[in-house]
Amino acid sequence: MKLSAIEVLYMHFVNGRTHGEATEYDFWLTQYSSKAENLIGRLINRGIIYENDDLSVVLRKLKVPELKNLLEHSDIKVSGNKSVLIERIIENRYIIDLKNEGLESVYSVKNEFKSFLNQTEFINYFHFNGHISVYEAYDYYLKHPNRTSNEIVIGVLKERIEDNINNTNKYDALKSFQLLSHFYIDEMKDLDSSIYYLNNFTMLIILQSILNYPAYKMITSGSHFNIDNFTADRYRALLETNQMTPYALYHALVDDTENLPYSYEQRKKAARFIIDYIMEDEDGEIKLRCLLDNEE
């Protein structure tokens, strides 16, 4: 089965949607140069999706008040959550009038492609995060078809770091470190790995600022070293909950970043500033500037 990256992405999008829901957005054309109607046609013709009329599926599109209304009109009890209400309607489908409810079929991925659907879940991640294209992510998957969806996400981001860490512009590496940190904590529930990549992200920001300081101080005033509030608050939460001490964090910042293209001394200066910043030491930047000025 040969599908393009956009066809795979749309397969995920259309699954569980009515035709109206599947075609109401124009970003398929504006962002991916593909018409939703054409994508539906191709997926149907290849036998990947079908129009599902099963009541257990189509009733899910109704809201709870609508489901209760159906039951109430047939003098059937209306207590319970959405799943209970749907089950009750199905049990009583021969005495409930569903003809005027305008129930629409729902596109569903066929069972034989459910495994492929799970394996390619990564494509949604890259679609929504936008840093790396779905084309690049899908190409990586085709080269590593036996990896899980999570392994694909991690592999793509790590490869992007390796390819860009020595470039003058460190944006791609920075963004990939940040995404890995979020992914490990949100999806993998792996705090240690999340902190590792968070340390690389934060240190890379400050190390680049240190590298650029001699030039920037000549043309701009104000602060030259900044950490975003979300990142600073993550570190503060670790310290406040005693998951780390300032001493342990300092050494983690230095040790975790040994593969970054900076010297040990530069990493120590950056780590010292980060600790000062997190601890809200108002003189943190002054101390770092003094160290850098004395080196000139």
C-alpha atoms as a PDB file:
ATOM      1  CA  MET A   1       0.000   0.000   0.000  1.00  0.00           C
ATOM      2  CA  LYS A   2       1.518   3.288  -1.121  1.00  0.00           C
ATOM      3  CA  LEU A   3       0.020   6.394   0.446  1.00  0.00           C
ATOM      4  CA  SER A   4       1.376   9.911   0.449  1.00  0.00           C
ATOM      5  CA  ALA A   5       2.016  11.744   3.708  1.00  0.00           C
ATOM      6  CA  ILE A   6      -1.087  13.880   3.136  1.00  0.00           C
ATOM      7  CA  GLU A   7      -3.268  10.856   2.474  1.00  0.00           C
ATOM      8  CA  VAL A   8      -2.077   9.301   5.733  1.00  0.00           C
ATOM      9  CA  LEU A   9      -2.698  12.537   7.614  1.00  0.00           C
ATOM     10  CA  TYR A  10      -6.177  12.810   6.119  1.00  0.00           C
ATOM     11  CA  MET A  11      -6.913   9.179   6.982  1.00  0.00           C
ATOM     12  CA  HIS A  12      -6.412  10.128  10.622  1.00  0.00           C
ATOM     13  CA  PHE A  13      -8.470  13.281  10.251  1.00  0.00           C
ATOM     14  CA  VAL A  14     -11.458  11.742   8.468  1.00  0.00           C
ATOM     15  CA  ASN A  15     -11.763   8.736  10.770  1.00  0.00           C
ATOM     16  CA  GLY A  16     -14.905   9.214  12.874  1.00  0.00           C
ATOM     17  CA  ARG A  17     -16.158  12.269  10.982  1.00  0.00           C
ATOM     18  CA  THR A  18     -19.254  12.841   8.870  1.00  0.00           C
ATOM     19  CA  HIS A  19     -18.863  14.073   5.305  1.00  0.00           C
ATOM     20  CA  GLY A  20     -19.737  17.618   6.336  1.00  0.00           C
ATOM     21  CA  GLU A  21     -17.181  17.595   9.145  1.00  0.00           C
ATOM     22  CA  ALA A  22     -14.554  16.083   6.875  1.00  0.00           C
ATOM     23  CA  THR A  23     -14.886  18.773   4.206  1.00  0.00           C
ATOM     24  CA  GLU A  24     -15.646  21.950   6.181  1.00  0.00           C
ATOM     25  CA  TYR A  25     -12.052  23.166   6.482  1.00  0.00           C
ATOM     26  CA  ASP A  26     -10.121  24.668   3.598  1.00  0.00           C
ATOM     27  CA  PHE A  27      -6.665  24.244   5.147  1.00  0.00           C
ATOM     28  CA  TRP A  28      -6.237  20.987   3.235  1.00  0.00           C
ATOM     29  CA  LEU A  29      -6.110  23.072   0.089  1.00  0.00           C
ATOM     30  CA  THR A  30      -4.291  26.106   1.492  1.00  0.00           C
ATOM     31  CA  GLN A  31      -1.709  24.197   3.530  1.00  0.00           C
ATOM     32  CA  TYR A  32      -1.349  20.910   1.648  1.00  0.00           C
ATOM     33  CA  SER A  33      -2.626  21.744  -1.870  1.00  0.00           C
ATOM     34  CA  SER A  34      -5.178  18.924  -1.699  1.00  0.00           C
ATOM     35  CA  LYS A  35      -8.969  19.020  -1.820  1.00  0.00           C
ATOM     36  CA  ALA A  36     -10.745  17.143   0.956  1.00  0.00           C
ATOM     37  CA  GLU A  37     -13.238  15.656  -1.512  1.00  0.00           C
ATOM     38  CA  ASN A  38     -10.399  14.229  -3.599  1.00  0.00           C
ATOM     39  CA  LEU A  39      -8.664  12.784  -0.544  1.00  0.00           C
ATOM     40  CA  ILE A  40     -11.887  11.064   0.532  1.00  0.00           C
ATOM     41  CA  GLY A  41     -12.340   9.627  -2.942  1.00  0.00           C
ATOM     42  CA  ARG A  42      -8.818   8.245  -3.065  1.00  0.00           C
ATOM     43  CA  LEU A  43      -9.069   6.632   0.371  1.00  0.00           C
ATOM     44  CA  ILE A  44     -12.426   5.045  -0.471  1.00  0.00           C
ATOM     45  CA  ASN A  45     -11.204   3.780  -3.842  1.00  0.00           C
ATOM     46  CA  ARG A  46      -8.203   2.158  -2.175  1.00  0.00           C
ATOM     47  CA  GLY A  47     -10.474   0.436   0.322  1.00  0.00           C
ATOM     48  CA  ILE A  48      -8.976   2.184   3.349  1.00  0.00           C
ATOM     49  CA  ILE A  49     -12.062   3.997   4.635  1.00  0.00           C
ATOM     50  CA  TYR A  50     -15.796   3.382   4.241  1.00  0.00           C
ATOM     51  CA  GLU A  51     -19.066   5.066   5.162  1.00  0.00           C
ATOM     52  CA  ASN A  52     -20.099   3.513   8.455  1.00  0.00           C
ATOM     53  CA  ASP A  53     -23.837   3.461   9.247  1.00  0.00           C
ATOM     54  CA  ASP A  54     -23.589   1.441  12.457  1.00  0.00           C
ATOM     55  CA  LEU A  55     -25.798   3.013  15.120  1.00  0.00           C
ATOM     56  CA  SER A  56     -23.124   2.670  17.802  1.00  0.00           C
ATOM     57  CA  VAL A  57     -20.976   4.975  15.657  1.00  0.00           C
ATOM     58  CA  VAL A  58     -23.442   7.471  14.185  1.00  0.00           C
ATOM     59  CA  LEU A  59     -25.243   8.057  17.489  1.00  0.00           C
ATOM     60  CA  ARG A  60     -21.942   9.283  18.940  1.00  0.00           C
ATOM     61  CA  LYS A  61     -22.343  12.378  16.780  1.00  0.00           C
ATOM     62  CA  LEU A  62     -25.452  13.413  18.723  1.00  0.00           C
ATOM     63  CA  LYS A  63     -25.246  15.418  21.927  1.00  0.00           C
ATOM     64  CA  VAL A  64     -26.525  14.074  25.235  1.00  0.00           C
ATOM     65  CA  PRO A  65     -29.712  16.229  25.199  1.00  0.00           C
ATOM     66  CA  GLU A  66     -30.506  14.921  21.705  1.00  0.00           C
ATOM     67  CA  LEU A  67     -30.059  11.327  22.832  1.00  0.00           C
ATOM     68  CA  LYS A  68     -32.261  11.894  25.871  1.00  0.00           C
ATOM     69  CA  ASN A  69     -34.903  13.488  23.666  1.00  0.00           C
ATOM     70  CA  LEU A  70     -35.027  10.354  21.505  1.00  0.00           C
ATOM     71  CA  LEU A  71     -35.556   8.177  24.572  1.00  0.00           C
ATOM     72  CA  GLU A  72     -38.040  10.507  26.204  1.00  0.00           C
ATOM     73  CA  HIS A  73     -40.307  10.567  23.122  1.00  0.00           C
ATOM     74  CA  SER A  74     -40.554   6.784  23.358  1.00  0.00           C
ATOM     75  CA  ASP A  75     -41.173   6.837  27.128  1.00  0.00           C
ATOM     76  CA  ILE A  76     -37.831   5.215  27.881  1.00  0.00           C
ATOM     77  CA  LYS A  77     -35.772   6.293  30.887  1.00  0.00           C
ATOM     78  CA  VAL A  78     -33.155   8.948  30.205  1.00  0.00           C
ATOM     79  CA  SER A  79     -30.680   8.495  33.062  1.00  0.00           C
ATOM     80  CA  GLY A  80     -27.025   7.662  32.543  1.00  0.00           C
ATOM     81  CA  ASN A  81     -23.994   8.940  30.633  1.00  0.00           C
ATOM     82  CA  LYS A  82     -23.649   9.151  26.862  1.00  0.00           C
ATOM     83  CA  SER A  83     -22.507   5.546  26.416  1.00  0.00           C
ATOM     84  CA  VAL A  84     -25.438   4.240  28.471  1.00  0.00           C
ATOM     85  CA  LEU A  85     -27.909   6.351  26.512  1.00  0.00           C
ATOM     86  CA  ILE A  86     -26.551   5.094  23.174  1.00  0.00           C
ATOM     87  CA  GLU A  87     -26.692   1.490  24.348  1.00  0.00           C
ATOM     88  CA  ARG A  88     -30.288   1.992  25.473  1.00  0.00           C
ATOM     89  CA  ILE A  89     -31.279   3.503  22.121  1.00  0.00           C
ATOM     90  CA  ILE A  90     -29.706   0.571  20.251  1.00  0.00           C
ATOM     91  CA  GLU A  91     -31.525  -1.923  22.482  1.00  0.00           C
ATOM     92  CA  ASN A  92     -34.808  -0.173  21.708  1.00  0.00           C
ATOM     93  CA  ARG A  93     -34.089   0.808  18.093  1.00  0.00           C
ATOM     94  CA  TYR A  94     -37.195  -0.957  16.788  1.00  0.00           C
ATOM     95  CA  ILE A  95     -39.552   1.182  18.846  1.00  0.00           C
ATOM     96  CA  ILE A  96     -37.668   4.491  18.555  1.00  0.00           C
ATOM     97  CA  ASP A  97     -38.314   6.589  15.460  1.00  0.00           C
ATOM     98  CA  LEU A  98     -34.903   7.506  14.081  1.00  0.00           C
ATOM     99  CA  LYS A  99     -36.019   8.462  10.576  1.00  0.00           C
ATOM    100  CA  ASN A 100     -36.350  12.172  11.231  1.00  0.00           C
ATOM    101  CA  GLU A 101     -33.139  12.566  13.198  1.00  0.00           C
ATOM    102  CA  GLY A 102     -30.978  13.137  10.138  1.00  0.00           C
ATOM    103  CA  LEU A 103     -28.402  10.621  11.281  1.00  0.00           C
ATOM    104  CA  GLU A 104     -25.348  10.746   9.012  1.00  0.00           C
ATOM    105  CA  SER A 105     -22.934   7.984   8.207  1.00  0.00           C
ATOM    106  CA  VAL A 106     -19.420   8.368   9.568  1.00  0.00           C
ATOM    107  CA  TYR A 107     -16.188   7.636   7.742  1.00  0.00           C
ATOM    108  CA  SER A 108     -14.274   4.828   9.424  1.00  0.00           C
ATOM    109  CA  VAL A 109     -10.928   3.200   8.751  1.00  0.00           C
ATOM    110  CA  LYS A 110     -11.376  -0.457   7.853  1.00  0.00           C
ATOM    111  CA  ASN A 111     -10.241  -2.986  10.444  1.00  0.00           C
ATOM    112  CA  GLU A 112      -7.377  -4.277   8.312  1.00  0.00           C
ATOM    113  CA  PHE A 113      -5.808  -0.805   8.396  1.00  0.00           C
ATOM    114  CA  LYS A 114      -6.278  -0.111  12.120  1.00  0.00           C
ATOM    115  CA  SER A 115      -2.743  -1.297  12.872  1.00  0.00           C
ATOM    116  CA  PHE A 116      -1.362   1.095  10.245  1.00  0.00           C
ATOM    117  CA  LEU A 117      -3.503   3.860  11.756  1.00  0.00           C
ATOM    118  CA  ASN A 118      -1.881   3.297  15.156  1.00  0.00           C
ATOM    119  CA  GLN A 119       1.630   3.061  13.697  1.00  0.00           C
ATOM    120  CA  THR A 120       1.259   6.422  11.943  1.00  0.00           C
ATOM    121  CA  GLU A 121      -0.208   8.400  14.833  1.00  0.00           C
ATOM    122  CA  PHE A 122       3.018  10.419  14.794  1.00  0.00           C
ATOM    123  CA  ILE A 123       1.825  12.283  11.711  1.00  0.00           C
ATOM    124  CA  ASN A 124      -0.770  14.139  13.785  1.00  0.00           C
ATOM    125  CA  TYR A 125       1.954  15.233  16.177  1.00  0.00           C
ATOM    126  CA  PHE A 126       4.005  16.840  13.426  1.00  0.00           C
ATOM    127  CA  HIS A 127       0.936  18.354  11.794  1.00  0.00           C
ATOM    128  CA  PHE A 128      -0.053  20.147  14.990  1.00  0.00           C
ATOM    129  CA  ASN A 129       3.437  21.108  16.145  1.00  0.00           C
ATOM    130  CA  GLY A 130       4.457  22.445  12.768  1.00  0.00           C
ATOM    131  CA  HIS A 131       8.223  22.498  13.354  1.00  0.00           C
ATOM    132  CA  ILE A 132       8.988  19.534  11.123  1.00  0.00           C
ATOM    133  CA  SER A 133       6.859  18.816   8.064  1.00  0.00           C
ATOM    134  CA  VAL A 134       4.639  15.758   7.843  1.00  0.00           C
ATOM    135  CA  TYR A 135       6.504  14.888   4.632  1.00  0.00           C
ATOM    136  CA  GLU A 136       9.821  14.637   6.462  1.00  0.00           C
ATOM    137  CA  ALA A 137       8.277  12.674   9.322  1.00  0.00           C
ATOM    138  CA  TYR A 138       6.591  10.229   6.946  1.00  0.00           C
ATOM    139  CA  ASP A 139       9.817   9.715   4.975  1.00  0.00           C
ATOM    140  CA  TYR A 140      11.536   8.842   8.259  1.00  0.00           C
ATOM    141  CA  TYR A 141       8.772   6.327   9.017  1.00  0.00           C
ATOM    142  CA  LEU A 142       9.143   4.669   5.605  1.00  0.00           C
ATOM    143  CA  LYS A 143      12.840   4.158   6.384  1.00  0.00           C
ATOM    144  CA  HIS A 144      12.017   2.761   9.853  1.00  0.00           C
ATOM    145  CA  PRO A 145       8.667   0.949   9.376  1.00  0.00           C
ATOM    146  CA  ASN A 146       9.081  -1.283  12.417  1.00  0.00           C
ATOM    147  CA  ARG A 147       9.315   1.550  14.931  1.00  0.00           C
ATOM    148  CA  THR A 148       6.375   2.579  17.065  1.00  0.00           C
ATOM    149  CA  SER A 149       4.703   5.945  16.609  1.00  0.00           C
ATOM    150  CA  ASN A 150       6.434   7.353  19.710  1.00  0.00           C
ATOM    151  CA  GLU A 151       9.793   6.055  18.496  1.00  0.00           C
ATOM    152  CA  ILE A 152       9.228   7.831  15.185  1.00  0.00           C
ATOM    153  CA  VAL A 153       8.581  11.175  16.918  1.00  0.00           C
ATOM    154  CA  ILE A 154      11.678  10.813  19.076  1.00  0.00           C
ATOM    155  CA  GLY A 155      13.822   9.592  16.190  1.00  0.00           C
ATOM    156  CA  VAL A 156      12.828  12.458  13.883  1.00  0.00           C
ATOM    157  CA  LEU A 157      13.521  15.095  16.545  1.00  0.00           C
ATOM    158  CA  LYS A 158      16.870  13.575  17.529  1.00  0.00           C
ATOM    159  CA  GLU A 159      17.931  13.387  13.884  1.00  0.00           C
ATOM    160  CA  ARG A 160      17.013  17.049  13.424  1.00  0.00           C
ATOM    161  CA  ILE A 161      19.218  17.954  16.402  1.00  0.00           C
ATOM    162  CA  GLU A 162      22.165  15.974  15.036  1.00  0.00           C
ATOM    163  CA  ASP A 163      21.796  17.614  11.632  1.00  0.00           C
ATOM    164  CA  ASN A 164      21.584  21.166  12.969  1.00  0.00           C
ATOM    165  CA  ILE A 165      23.440  21.456  16.280  1.00  0.00           C
ATOM    166  CA  ASN A 166      26.645  22.653  14.618  1.00  0.00           C
ATOM    167  CA  ASN A 167      24.931  25.190  12.364  1.00  0.00           C
ATOM    168  CA  THR A 168      25.325  28.877  13.100  1.00  0.00           C
ATOM    169  CA  ASN A 169      21.563  29.175  13.374  1.00  0.00           C
ATOM    170  CA  LYS A 170      20.544  26.914  16.241  1.00  0.00           C
ATOM    171  CA  TYR A 171      16.763  27.379  15.933  1.00  0.00           C
ATOM    172  CA  ASP A 172      16.018  23.872  14.618  1.00  0.00           C
ATOM    173  CA  ALA A 173      18.068  22.246  17.362  1.00  0.00           C
ATOM    174  CA  LEU A 174      16.524  24.484  20.021  1.00  0.00           C
ATOM    175  CA  LYS A 175      12.980  23.719  18.940  1.00  0.00           C
ATOM    176  CA  SER A 176      13.678  19.999  18.744  1.00  0.00           C
ATOM    177  CA  PHE A 177      15.138  19.942  22.274  1.00  0.00           C
ATOM    178  CA  GLN A 178      12.048  21.766  23.522  1.00  0.00           C
ATOM    179  CA  LEU A 179       9.641  19.404  21.755  1.00  0.00           C
ATOM    180  CA  LEU A 180      11.496  16.351  23.057  1.00  0.00           C
ATOM    181  CA  SER A 181      11.256  17.653  26.607  1.00  0.00           C
ATOM    182  CA  HIS A 182       7.497  18.138  26.278  1.00  0.00           C
ATOM    183  CA  PHE A 183       7.010  14.820  24.494  1.00  0.00           C
ATOM    184  CA  TYR A 184       8.854  12.784  27.100  1.00  0.00           C
ATOM    185  CA  ILE A 185       6.813  14.216  29.966  1.00  0.00           C
ATOM    186  CA  ASP A 186       3.425  14.447  28.221  1.00  0.00           C
ATOM    187  CA  GLU A 187       3.424  11.237  26.180  1.00  0.00           C
ATOM    188  CA  MET A 188       6.130   9.013  27.686  1.00  0.00           C
ATOM    189  CA  LYS A 189       5.699  10.068  31.338  1.00  0.00           C
ATOM    190  CA  ASP A 190       9.493   9.999  31.585  1.00  0.00           C
ATOM    191  CA  LEU A 191      10.540  12.854  33.871  1.00  0.00           C
ATOM    192  CA  ASP A 192      14.279  12.157  33.768  1.00  0.00           C
ATOM    193  CA  SER A 193      14.467  12.268  29.976  1.00  0.00           C
ATOM    194  CA  SER A 194      12.232  15.324  29.917  1.00  0.00           C
ATOM    195  CA  ILE A 195      14.603  17.183  32.248  1.00  0.00           C
ATOM    196  CA  TYR A 196      17.589  16.077  30.174  1.00  0.00           C
ATOM    197  CA  TYR A 197      16.184  17.669  27.026  1.00  0.00           C
ATOM    198  CA  LEU A 198      14.897  20.674  28.946  1.00  0.00           C
ATOM    199  CA  ASN A 199      18.452  21.225  30.212  1.00  0.00           C
ATOM    200  CA  ASN A 200      19.805  21.093  26.665  1.00  0.00           C
ATOM    201  CA  PHE A 201      17.127  23.506  25.454  1.00  0.00           C
ATOM    202  CA  THR A 202      17.717  26.047  28.219  1.00  0.00           C
ATOM    203  CA  MET A 203      21.496  25.804  28.163  1.00  0.00           C
ATOM    204  CA  LEU A 204      21.582  26.198  24.392  1.00  0.00           C
ATOM    205  CA  ILE A 205      19.661  29.474  24.667  1.00  0.00           C
ATOM    206  CA  ILE A 206      22.067  30.909  27.243  1.00  0.00           C
ATOM    207  CA  LEU A 207      25.203  29.507  25.604  1.00  0.00           C
ATOM    208  CA  GLN A 208      24.254  31.145  22.326  1.00  0.00           C
ATOM    209  CA  SER A 209      23.623  34.400  24.189  1.00  0.00           C
ATOM    210  CA  ILE A 210      27.072  34.137  25.781  1.00  0.00           C
ATOM    211  CA  LEU A 211      28.616  33.524  22.363  1.00  0.00           C
ATOM    212  CA  ASN A 212      26.846  36.548  20.872  1.00  0.00           C
ATOM    213  CA  TYR A 213      27.304  38.832  23.877  1.00  0.00           C
ATOM    214  CA  PRO A 214      30.422  40.714  22.652  1.00  0.00           C
ATOM    215  CA  ALA A 215      28.633  41.791  19.469  1.00  0.00           C
ATOM    216  CA  TYR A 216      25.178  42.399  20.934  1.00  0.00           C
ATOM    217  CA  LYS A 217      26.332  44.561  23.838  1.00  0.00           C
ATOM    218  CA  MET A 218      27.709  47.078  21.338  1.00  0.00           C
ATOM    219  CA  ILE A 219      24.399  47.582  19.538  1.00  0.00           C
ATOM    220  CA  THR A 220      21.649  46.992  22.077  1.00  0.00           C
ATOM    221  CA  SER A 221      21.039  47.784  25.722  1.00  0.00           C
ATOM    222  CA  GLY A 222      18.931  45.929  28.267  1.00  0.00           C
ATOM    223  CA  SER A 223      18.963  42.258  29.105  1.00  0.00           C
ATOM    224  CA  HIS A 224      20.961  39.914  26.907  1.00  0.00           C
ATOM    225  CA  PHE A 225      20.172  36.688  28.778  1.00  0.00           C
ATOM    226  CA  ASN A 226      16.587  35.505  29.141  1.00  0.00           C
ATOM    227  CA  ILE A 227      14.673  32.322  29.885  1.00  0.00           C
ATOM    228  CA  ASP A 228      10.974  32.081  29.052  1.00  0.00           C
ATOM    229  CA  ASN A 229       8.585  32.019  32.005  1.00  0.00           C
ATOM    230  CA  PHE A 230       7.228  28.543  31.241  1.00  0.00           C
ATOM    231  CA  THR A 231      10.699  27.006  31.327  1.00  0.00           C
ATOM    232  CA  ALA A 232      11.730  28.916  34.457  1.00  0.00           C
ATOM    233  CA  ASP A 233       8.531  27.813  36.201  1.00  0.00           C
ATOM    234  CA  ARG A 234       9.206  24.168  35.310  1.00  0.00           C
ATOM    235  CA  TYR A 235      12.558  24.376  37.049  1.00  0.00           C
ATOM    236  CA  ARG A 236      11.092  26.201  40.030  1.00  0.00           C
ATOM    237  CA  ALA A 237       8.466  23.480  40.401  1.00  0.00           C
ATOM    238  CA  LEU A 238      11.218  20.846  40.509  1.00  0.00           C
ATOM    239  CA  LEU A 239      13.008  22.760  43.260  1.00  0.00           C
ATOM    240  CA  GLU A 240       9.879  23.589  45.252  1.00  0.00           C
ATOM    241  CA  THR A 241       8.768  19.946  45.284  1.00  0.00           C
ATOM    242  CA  ASN A 242      12.268  18.795  46.304  1.00  0.00           C
ATOM    243  CA  GLN A 243      12.676  16.693  43.166  1.00  0.00           C
ATOM    244  CA  MET A 244      16.003  18.475  42.695  1.00  0.00           C
ATOM    245  CA  THR A 245      18.255  20.789  44.682  1.00  0.00           C
ATOM    246  CA  PRO A 246      19.929  23.861  43.135  1.00  0.00           C
ATOM    247  CA  TYR A 247      23.264  22.046  43.491  1.00  0.00           C
ATOM    248  CA  ALA A 248      21.984  18.926  41.680  1.00  0.00           C
ATOM    249  CA  LEU A 249      20.367  21.022  38.981  1.00  0.00           C
ATOM    250  CA  TYR A 250      23.569  22.982  38.379  1.00  0.00           C
ATOM    251  CA  HIS A 251      25.544  19.778  37.809  1.00  0.00           C
ATOM    252  CA  ALA A 252      22.779  18.296  35.652  1.00  0.00           C
ATOM    253  CA  LEU A 253      22.839  21.401  33.451  1.00  0.00           C
ATOM    254  CA  VAL A 254      26.591  21.079  32.989  1.00  0.00           C
ATOM    255  CA  ASP A 255      26.767  17.300  32.617  1.00  0.00           C
ATOM    256  CA  ASP A 256      23.695  16.807  30.404  1.00  0.00           C
ATOM    257  CA  THR A 257      25.040  19.233  27.817  1.00  0.00           C
ATOM    258  CA  GLU A 258      28.510  17.781  27.280  1.00  0.00           C
ATOM    259  CA  ASN A 259      27.611  17.005  23.656  1.00  0.00           C
ATOM    260  CA  LEU A 260      26.766  20.606  22.850  1.00  0.00           C
ATOM    261  CA  PRO A 261      29.492  22.424  20.869  1.00  0.00           C
ATOM    262  CA  TYR A 262      30.665  24.616  23.763  1.00  0.00           C
ATOM    263  CA  SER A 263      33.495  24.408  26.257  1.00  0.00           C
ATOM    264  CA  TYR A 264      33.197  23.141  29.805  1.00  0.00           C
ATOM    265  CA  GLU A 265      33.894  26.642  31.117  1.00  0.00           C
ATOM    266  CA  GLN A 266      31.161  28.147  28.957  1.00  0.00           C
ATOM    267  CA  ARG A 267      28.711  25.537  30.179  1.00  0.00           C
ATOM    268  CA  LYS A 268      29.561  26.262  33.818  1.00  0.00           C
ATOM    269  CA  LYS A 269      28.921  29.996  33.294  1.00  0.00           C
ATOM    270  CA  ALA A 270      25.604  29.299  31.584  1.00  0.00           C
ATOM    271  CA  ALA A 271      24.507  26.859  34.304  1.00  0.00           C
ATOM    272  CA  ARG A 272      25.428  29.341  37.052  1.00  0.00           C
ATOM    273  CA  PHE A 273      23.338  32.047  35.399  1.00  0.00           C
ATOM    274  CA  ILE A 274      20.366  29.686  34.934  1.00  0.00           C
ATOM    275  CA  ILE A 275      20.411  28.798  38.642  1.00  0.00           C
ATOM    276  CA  ASP A 276      20.586  32.501  39.557  1.00  0.00           C
ATOM    277  CA  TYR A 277      17.713  33.246  37.172  1.00  0.00           C
ATOM    278  CA  ILE A 278      15.511  30.477  38.570  1.00  0.00           C
ATOM    279  CA  MET A 279      16.299  31.559  42.135  1.00  0.00           C
ATOM    280  CA  GLU A 280      15.369  35.122  41.074  1.00  0.00           C
ATOM    281  CA  ASP A 281      18.756  36.594  41.901  1.00  0.00           C
ATOM    282  CA  GLU A 282      18.501  40.144  40.544  1.00  0.00           C
ATOM    283  CA  ASP A 283      22.286  40.316  40.188  1.00  0.00           C
ATOM    284  CA  GLY A 284      22.534  37.127  38.125  1.00  0.00           C
ATOM    285  CA  GLU A 285      22.971  38.870  34.795  1.00  0.00           C
ATOM    286  CA  ILE A 286      25.357  41.447  36.255  1.00  0.00           C
ATOM    287  CA  LYS A 287      27.599  38.666  37.547  1.00  0.00           C
ATOM    288  CA  LEU A 288      27.602  36.908  34.178  1.00  0.00           C
ATOM    289  CA  ARG A 289      28.352  40.138  32.310  1.00  0.00           C
ATOM    290  CA  CYS A 290      31.279  40.832  34.620  1.00  0.00           C
ATOM    291  CA  LEU A 291      32.742  37.405  33.966  1.00  0.00           C
ATOM    292  CA  LEU A 292      32.394  37.836  30.212  1.00  0.00           C
ATOM    293  CA  ASP A 293      33.753  41.405  30.207  1.00  0.00           C
ATOM    294  CA  ASN A 294      36.813  40.349  32.203  1.00  0.00           C
ATOM    295  CA  GLU A 295      37.606  37.725  29.565  1.00  0.00           C
ATOM    296  CA  GLU A 296      37.887  40.289  26.784  1.00  0.00           C
END
